[in-house]
C-alpha atoms as a PDB file:
ATOM      1  CA  MET A   1     -22.381 -15.671 -45.903  1.00  0.00           C
ATOM      2  CA  LYS A   2     -19.964 -18.597 -45.684  1.00  0.00           C
ATOM      3  CA  LEU A   3     -22.522 -21.412 -45.890  1.00  0.00           C
ATOM      4  CA  LYS A   4     -20.040 -24.295 -45.721  1.00  0.00           C
ATOM      5  CA  GLU A   5     -18.329 -22.841 -42.675  1.00  0.00           C
ATOM      6  CA  LYS A   6     -21.687 -22.187 -41.037  1.00  0.00           C
ATOM      7  CA  GLN A   7     -22.821 -25.779 -41.579  1.00  0.00           C
ATOM      8  CA  LYS A   8     -19.551 -27.130 -40.205  1.00  0.00           C
ATOM      9  CA  ALA A   9     -19.781 -24.818 -37.233  1.00  0.00           C
ATOM     10  CA  ARG A  10     -23.287 -26.023 -36.391  1.00  0.00           C
ATOM     11  CA  LYS A  11     -22.241 -29.687 -36.676  1.00  0.00           C
ATOM     12  CA  LEU A  12     -19.222 -29.117 -34.436  1.00  0.00           C
ATOM     13  CA  ARG A  13     -21.356 -27.231 -31.955  1.00  0.00           C
ATOM     14  CA  ALA A  14     -23.867 -30.087 -31.869  1.00  0.00           C
ATOM     15  CA  LYS A  15     -20.969 -32.405 -30.961  1.00  0.00           C
ATOM     16  CA  GLY A  16     -20.065 -30.210 -27.995  1.00  0.00           C
ATOM     17  CA  TYR A  17     -17.239 -28.049 -29.331  1.00  0.00           C
ATOM     18  CA  THR A  18     -16.786 -24.602 -27.813  1.00  0.00           C
ATOM     19  CA  ILE A  19     -17.137 -21.426 -29.853  1.00  0.00           C
ATOM     20  CA  ALA A  20     -13.427 -20.655 -29.387  1.00  0.00           C
ATOM     21  CA  ARG A  21     -12.439 -24.110 -30.628  1.00  0.00           C
ATOM     22  CA  ILE A  22     -14.744 -23.928 -33.647  1.00  0.00           C
ATOM     23  CA  SER A  23     -13.401 -20.479 -34.488  1.00  0.00           C
ATOM     24  CA  ALA A  24      -9.825 -21.807 -34.444  1.00  0.00           C
ATOM     25  CA  MET A  25     -10.687 -24.897 -36.487  1.00  0.00           C
ATOM     26  CA  LEU A  26     -12.549 -23.014 -39.209  1.00  0.00           C
ATOM     27  CA  GLY A  27     -10.447 -19.873 -39.208  1.00  0.00           C
ATOM     28  CA  VAL A  28     -13.393 -17.524 -38.743  1.00  0.00           C
ATOM     29  CA  ALA A  29     -14.171 -14.924 -36.119  1.00  0.00           C
ATOM     30  CA  LYS A  30     -15.714 -16.039 -32.838  1.00  0.00           C
ATOM     31  CA  SER A  31     -18.446 -13.459 -33.308  1.00  0.00           C
ATOM     32  CA  SER A  32     -19.461 -15.158 -36.567  1.00  0.00           C
ATOM     33  CA  VAL A  33     -19.446 -18.616 -34.986  1.00  0.00           C
ATOM     34  CA  SER A  34     -21.498 -17.339 -32.070  1.00  0.00           C
ATOM     35  CA  LEU A  35     -24.074 -15.926 -34.467  1.00  0.00           C
ATOM     36  CA  TRP A  36     -24.228 -19.129 -36.515  1.00  0.00           C
ATOM     37  CA  VAL A  37     -24.709 -21.543 -33.622  1.00  0.00           C
ATOM     38  CA  ARG A  38     -26.771 -19.476 -31.194  1.00  0.00           C
ATOM     39  CA  ASP A  39     -29.968 -21.452 -31.917  1.00  0.00           C
ATOM     40  CA  GLN A  40     -28.260 -24.845 -32.266  1.00  0.00           C
ATOM     41  CA  LYS A  41     -29.917 -27.448 -30.032  1.00  0.00           C
ATOM     42  CA  LEU A  42     -27.498 -29.355 -27.839  1.00  0.00           C
ATOM     43  CA  SER A  43     -27.726 -32.835 -26.399  1.00  0.00           C
ATOM     44  CA  ASP A  44     -26.950 -33.445 -22.739  1.00  0.00           C
ATOM     45  CA  TYR A  45     -23.614 -34.938 -23.805  1.00  0.00           C
ATOM     46  CA  ALA A  46     -22.746 -31.818 -25.829  1.00  0.00           C
ATOM     47  CA  LYS A  47     -23.708 -29.537 -22.942  1.00  0.00           C
ATOM     48  CA  LYS A  48     -21.536 -31.516 -20.521  1.00  0.00           C
ATOM     49  CA  ARG A  49     -18.610 -31.478 -22.942  1.00  0.00           C
ATOM     50  CA  ILE A  50     -18.856 -27.720 -23.479  1.00  0.00           C
ATOM     51  CA  THR A  51     -19.102 -27.129 -19.728  1.00  0.00           C
ATOM     52  CA  ALA A  52     -16.128 -29.393 -19.031  1.00  0.00           C
ATOM     53  CA  VAL A  53     -13.966 -27.700 -21.665  1.00  0.00           C
ATOM     54  CA  SER A  54     -14.986 -24.237 -20.429  1.00  0.00           C
ATOM     55  CA  ASP A  55     -14.195 -25.172 -16.831  1.00  0.00           C
ATOM     56  CA  GLN A  56     -10.835 -26.580 -17.884  1.00  0.00           C
ATOM     57  CA  ALA A  57     -10.023 -23.422 -19.831  1.00  0.00           C
ATOM     58  CA  ARG A  58     -11.032 -21.253 -16.880  1.00  0.00           C
ATOM     59  CA  LEU A  59      -8.826 -23.249 -14.498  1.00  0.00           C
ATOM     60  CA  LYS A  60      -5.931 -23.029 -16.948  1.00  0.00           C
ATOM     61  CA  ALA A  61      -6.398 -19.250 -17.180  1.00  0.00           C
ATOM     62  CA  ILE A  62      -6.391 -18.985 -13.382  1.00  0.00           C
ATOM     63  CA  GLN A  63      -3.213 -21.067 -13.181  1.00  0.00           C
ATOM     64  CA  ASN A  64      -1.562 -18.930 -15.864  1.00  0.00           C
ATOM     65  CA  ARG A  65      -2.427 -15.742 -13.976  1.00  0.00           C
ATOM     66  CA  LYS A  66      -1.027 -17.253 -10.780  1.00  0.00           C
ATOM     67  CA  MET A  67       2.186 -18.190 -12.593  1.00  0.00           C
ATOM     68  CA  GLN A  68       2.465 -14.687 -14.046  1.00  0.00           C
ATOM     69  CA  ARG A  69       1.945 -13.120 -10.625  1.00  0.00           C
ATOM     70  CA  HIS A  70       4.464 -15.522  -9.102  1.00  0.00           C
ATOM     71  CA  LYS A  71       7.044 -14.644 -11.766  1.00  0.00           C
ATOM     72  CA  LEU A  72       6.381 -10.928 -11.306  1.00  0.00           C
ATOM     73  CA  GLU A  73       6.726 -11.285  -7.532  1.00  0.00           C
ATOM     74  CA  SER A  74       9.927 -13.292  -7.971  1.00  0.00           C
ATOM     75  CA  ASP A  75      11.411 -10.678 -10.331  1.00  0.00           C
ATOM     76  CA  ILE A  76      10.520  -7.834  -7.982  1.00  0.00           C
ATOM     77  CA  MET A  77      11.879  -9.764  -5.002  1.00  0.00           C
ATOM     78  CA  GLN A  78      15.233 -10.329  -6.735  1.00  0.00           C
ATOM     79  CA  ARG A  79      15.503  -6.637  -7.583  1.00  0.00           C
ATOM     80  CA  LEU A  80      14.580  -5.539  -4.071  1.00  0.00           C
ATOM     81  CA  GLU A  81      16.969  -8.029  -2.475  1.00  0.00           C
ATOM     82  CA  LEU A  82      19.771  -6.482  -4.529  1.00  0.00           C
ATOM     83  CA  GLU A  83      18.692  -2.962  -3.566  1.00  0.00           C
ATOM     84  CA  ILE A  84      18.465  -3.880   0.120  1.00  0.00           C
ATOM     85  CA  HIS A  85      21.853  -5.581  -0.051  1.00  0.00           C
ATOM     86  CA  GLN A  86      23.393  -2.451  -1.546  1.00  0.00           C
ATOM     87  CA  MET A  87      21.908  -0.180   1.126  1.00  0.00           C
ATOM     88  CA  GLU A  88      24.252   0.974   3.842  1.00  0.00           C
ATOM     89  CA  LEU A  89      22.134   0.034   6.851  1.00  0.00           C
ATOM     90  CA  TYR A  90      24.722   1.292   9.278  1.00  0.00           C
ATOM     91  CA  CYS A  91      24.467   4.811   7.910  1.00  0.00           C
ATOM     92  CA  ASN A  92      22.952   6.527  10.955  1.00  0.00           C
ATOM     93  CA  PRO A  93      20.697   9.021   9.093  1.00  0.00           C
ATOM     94  CA  PHE A  94      19.151   6.202   7.054  1.00  0.00           C
ATOM     95  CA  SER A  95      18.627   3.846   9.983  1.00  0.00           C
ATOM     96  CA  LYS A  96      17.138   6.618  12.113  1.00  0.00           C
ATOM     97  CA  LEU A  97      14.774   7.750   9.343  1.00  0.00           C
ATOM     98  CA  ALA A  98      13.656   4.155   8.683  1.00  0.00           C
ATOM     99  CA  CYS A  99      13.109   3.714  12.409  1.00  0.00           C
ATOM    100  CA  ALA A 100      11.100   6.952  12.569  1.00  0.00           C
ATOM    101  CA  LEU A 101       8.883   5.911   9.649  1.00  0.00           C
ATOM    102  CA  LEU A 102       8.139   2.535  11.240  1.00  0.00           C
ATOM    103  CA  PHE A 103       7.374   4.319  14.489  1.00  0.00           C
ATOM    104  CA  TRP A 104       5.092   6.733  12.595  1.00  0.00           C
ATOM    105  CA  ALA A 105       3.113   3.793  11.187  1.00  0.00           C
ATOM    106  CA  GLU A 106       2.975   1.441  14.190  1.00  0.00           C
ATOM    107  CA  GLY A 107       4.166   3.400  17.222  1.00  0.00           C
ATOM    108  CA  GLY A 108       2.159   4.617  20.177  1.00  0.00           C
ATOM    109  CA  LYS A 109       1.616   8.358  20.202  1.00  0.00           C
ATOM    110  CA  THR A 110       2.344   9.114  23.866  1.00  0.00           C
ATOM    111  CA  ASP A 111       4.625  11.822  25.241  1.00  0.00           C
ATOM    112  CA  ARG A 112       6.078   9.843  28.131  1.00  0.00           C
ATOM    113  CA  SER A 113       7.800   6.928  26.421  1.00  0.00           C
ATOM    114  CA  LEU A 114       8.345   5.088  23.170  1.00  0.00           C
ATOM    115  CA  MET A 115       5.776   2.402  22.362  1.00  0.00           C
ATOM    116  CA  PHE A 116       5.723   0.061  19.379  1.00  0.00           C
ATOM    117  CA  MET A 117       3.303  -2.830  18.895  1.00  0.00           C
ATOM    118  CA  ASN A 118       3.076  -5.522  16.245  1.00  0.00           C
ATOM    119  CA  SER A 119       2.302  -9.209  15.835  1.00  0.00           C
ATOM    120  CA  ASP A 120       4.898  -9.734  13.088  1.00  0.00           C
ATOM    121  CA  PRO A 121       8.185 -10.879  14.655  1.00  0.00           C
ATOM    122  CA  HIS A 122      10.102  -9.630  11.615  1.00  0.00           C
ATOM    123  CA  MET A 123       8.648  -6.154  12.070  1.00  0.00           C
ATOM    124  CA  ILE A 124       9.484  -6.131  15.779  1.00  0.00           C
ATOM    125  CA  ARG A 125      13.030  -7.336  15.153  1.00  0.00           C
ATOM    126  CA  ALA A 126      13.597  -4.826  12.333  1.00  0.00           C
ATOM    127  CA  PHE A 127      12.337  -1.911  14.426  1.00  0.00           C
ATOM    128  CA  LEU A 128      14.542  -2.870  17.365  1.00  0.00           C
ATOM    129  CA  LYS A 129      17.592  -3.260  15.154  1.00  0.00           C
ATOM    130  CA  LEU A 130      17.064   0.179  13.635  1.00  0.00           C
ATOM    131  CA  LEU A 131      16.385   1.686  17.054  1.00  0.00           C
ATOM    132  CA  ARG A 132      19.556   0.193  18.521  1.00  0.00           C
ATOM    133  CA  LEU A 133      21.592   1.395  15.535  1.00  0.00           C
ATOM    134  CA  SER A 134      20.197   4.904  15.820  1.00  0.00           C
ATOM    135  CA  PHE A 135      20.525   5.588  19.544  1.00  0.00           C
ATOM    136  CA  GLU A 136      22.685   4.750  22.512  1.00  0.00           C
ATOM    137  CA  LEU A 137      20.096   2.908  24.570  1.00  0.00           C
ATOM    138  CA  ASP A 138      19.892   1.759  28.138  1.00  0.00           C
ATOM    139  CA  GLU A 139      18.661  -1.816  27.602  1.00  0.00           C
ATOM    140  CA  SER A 140      17.313  -1.961  31.163  1.00  0.00           C
ATOM    141  CA  LYS A 141      14.647   0.605  30.186  1.00  0.00           C
ATOM    142  CA  PHE A 142      12.915  -1.834  27.832  1.00  0.00           C
ATOM    143  CA  ARG A 143       9.648  -3.442  28.865  1.00  0.00           C
ATOM    144  CA  VAL A 144       7.491  -5.843  26.864  1.00  0.00           C
ATOM    145  CA  CYS A 145       3.799  -6.525  27.319  1.00  0.00           C
ATOM    146  CA  LEU A 146       2.416  -9.448  25.333  1.00  0.00           C
ATOM    147  CA  HIS A 147      -1.169  -9.506  24.086  1.00  0.00           C
ATOM    148  CA  LEU A 148      -2.182 -13.164  24.070  1.00  0.00           C
ATOM    149  CA  HIS A 149      -5.279 -15.267  23.602  1.00  0.00           C
ATOM    150  CA  SER A 150      -6.509 -17.781  26.144  1.00  0.00           C
ATOM    151  CA  TYR A 151      -5.122 -20.679  24.108  1.00  0.00           C
ATOM    152  CA  HIS A 152      -1.552 -19.325  24.353  1.00  0.00           C
ATOM    153  CA  ASN A 153       0.984 -20.692  26.810  1.00  0.00           C
ATOM    154  CA  LYS A 154       2.232 -17.529  28.536  1.00  0.00           C
ATOM    155  CA  ALA A 155       5.624 -18.931  29.536  1.00  0.00           C
ATOM    156  CA  LYS A 156       6.264 -20.324  26.057  1.00  0.00           C
ATOM    157  CA  GLN A 157       5.254 -17.085  24.304  1.00  0.00           C
ATOM    158  CA  THR A 158       7.378 -15.030  26.694  1.00  0.00           C
ATOM    159  CA  ARG A 159      10.435 -17.117  25.850  1.00  0.00           C
ATOM    160  CA  TYR A 160       9.631 -16.823  22.144  1.00  0.00           C
ATOM    161  CA  TRP A 161       9.405 -13.013  22.195  1.00  0.00           C
ATOM    162  CA  ALA A 162      12.395 -12.713  24.495  1.00  0.00           C
ATOM    163  CA  GLU A 163      14.447 -14.457  21.815  1.00  0.00           C
ATOM    164  CA  ILE A 164      12.977 -12.267  19.055  1.00  0.00           C
ATOM    165  CA  THR A 165      13.632  -9.007  20.913  1.00  0.00           C
ATOM    166  CA  SER A 166      16.841  -9.930  22.769  1.00  0.00           C
ATOM    167  CA  ILE A 167      15.163  -8.478  25.864  1.00  0.00           C
ATOM    168  CA  PRO A 168      15.471 -10.531  29.078  1.00  0.00           C
ATOM    169  CA  VAL A 169      12.384 -12.345  30.347  1.00  0.00           C
ATOM    170  CA  LYS A 170      12.582 -10.434  33.619  1.00  0.00           C
ATOM    171  CA  GLN A 171      11.733  -7.234  31.697  1.00  0.00           C
ATOM    172  CA  PHE A 172       8.441  -8.672  30.434  1.00  0.00           C
ATOM    173  CA  ILE A 173       5.441  -7.412  32.358  1.00  0.00           C
ATOM    174  CA  LYS A 174       2.157  -9.234  32.974  1.00  0.00           C
ATOM    175  CA  PRO A 175       0.605 -10.243  29.605  1.00  0.00           C
ATOM    176  CA  TYR A 176      -2.686  -8.796  28.487  1.00  0.00           C
ATOM    177  CA  SER A 177      -5.216 -11.568  27.858  1.00  0.00           C
ATOM    178  CA  LYS A 178      -7.474 -11.011  24.857  1.00  0.00           C
ATOM    179  CA  LYS A 179     -10.862 -12.716  24.666  1.00  0.00           C
ATOM    180  CA  ASN A 180     -11.198 -15.437  22.069  1.00  0.00           C
ATOM    181  CA  THR A 181     -14.371 -17.328  21.153  1.00  0.00           C
ATOM    182  CA  GLY A 182     -12.366 -20.340  20.056  1.00  0.00           C
ATOM    183  CA  LYS A 183     -14.065 -20.356  16.658  1.00  0.00           C
ATOM    184  CA  ARG A 184     -11.086 -18.725  14.985  1.00  0.00           C
ATOM    185  CA  LYS A 185      -7.591 -19.804  15.843  1.00  0.00           C
ATOM    186  CA  LYS A 186      -4.935 -18.410  13.526  1.00  0.00           C
ATOM    187  CA  GLU A 187      -2.318 -21.078  12.947  1.00  0.00           C
ATOM    188  CA  GLY A 188       1.148 -19.947  13.922  1.00  0.00           C
ATOM    189  CA  TYR A 189      -0.087 -16.750  15.571  1.00  0.00           C
ATOM    190  CA  GLN A 190       2.387 -15.852  18.318  1.00  0.00           C
ATOM    191  CA  GLY A 191       0.403 -13.019  19.875  1.00  0.00           C
ATOM    192  CA  CYS A 192       1.216  -9.329  19.816  1.00  0.00           C
ATOM    193  CA  ALA A 193       4.300  -7.747  21.378  1.00  0.00           C
ATOM    194  CA  SER A 194       4.011  -4.242  22.767  1.00  0.00           C
ATOM    195  CA  LEU A 195       7.461  -2.718  23.224  1.00  0.00           C
ATOM    196  CA  ARG A 196       8.011   0.127  25.662  1.00  0.00           C
ATOM    197  CA  TYR A 197      11.215   2.092  26.061  1.00  0.00           C
ATOM    198  CA  HIS A 198      10.991   4.550  28.912  1.00  0.00           C
ATOM    199  CA  ASP A 199      12.860   7.536  27.529  1.00  0.00           C
ATOM    200  CA  TYR A 200      10.712  10.386  26.256  1.00  0.00           C
ATOM    201  CA  LYS A 201      13.680  12.013  24.509  1.00  0.00           C
ATOM    202  CA  VAL A 202      14.063   9.098  22.075  1.00  0.00           C
ATOM    203  CA  ALA A 203      10.321   9.102  21.355  1.00  0.00           C
ATOM    204  CA  MET A 204      10.402  12.871  20.868  1.00  0.00           C
ATOM    205  CA  GLU A 205      13.279  12.691  18.394  1.00  0.00           C
ATOM    206  CA  LEU A 206      11.569  10.003  16.302  1.00  0.00           C
ATOM    207  CA  LYS A 207       8.309  11.977  16.259  1.00  0.00           C
ATOM    208  CA  LEU A 208      10.065  15.173  15.219  1.00  0.00           C
ATOM    209  CA  LEU A 209      11.953  13.308  12.503  1.00  0.00           C
ATOM    210  CA  TYR A 210       8.871  11.758  10.912  1.00  0.00           C
ATOM    211  CA  THR A 211       7.020  15.082  11.266  1.00  0.00           C
ATOM    212  CA  LEU A 212       9.784  16.923   9.385  1.00  0.00           C
ATOM    213  CA  PHE A 213       9.834  14.150   6.767  1.00  0.00           C
ATOM    214  CA  ALA A 214       6.055  14.430   6.307  1.00  0.00           C
ATOM    215  CA  GLN A 215       6.237  18.208   6.049  1.00  0.00           C
ATOM    216  CA  LYS A 216       8.922  18.000   3.357  1.00  0.00           C
ATOM    217  CA  TYR A 217       7.553  15.134   1.260  1.00  0.00           C
ATOM    218  CA  GLY A 218       3.894  14.915   2.214  1.00  0.00           C
ATOM    219  CA  ARG A 219       2.716  18.433   1.505  1.00  0.00           C
ATOM    220  CA  VAL A 220       0.380  19.056  -1.394  1.00  0.00           C
ATOM    221  CA  VAL A 221       2.076  20.808  -4.295  1.00  0.00           C
END
């Protein structure tokens, strides 16, 4: 047993040094230090110092993990931005398939018309862009029903979603009012937009496309 190291470890521990710090200072394993100092009595000052250092180390570890995640996210974002930029969005098969997959995930499954609902304006705008690229549409067939809370200004939200969708205000139908207790109010929440396009043929084609896609790539091998 390394008696000198053990004595030094116990003295450092009594002063409020952490096991990791003592291990680094003496050049011995943390397991050894832990064994040596496990019965060392600590003053209130030493306990506070150890707690403070441990808390600081924990916060630093959390910050490091956040930085690593941020860097990873930034690297992935740069790669994806390049991939998206290189995609030929105006290639009809691609735009129609992307539209069909969005419709598969968020669309209404009715046989009479196309329905798509989301609270994310980016999602709504992306779906409409893909839909307009994929089909020759009659813009007058669009209708929009907003799902709003009582704290929303209906006229203001209608103008907001009209700008997002490029659909005239006159084609917005009476909003659906959702109950809200008032306890939770999501900052920046613009309500939900439910898009309807009254042409069952377009809805049918998108459904058939995502069904064929699922059959080809979703079957169990």
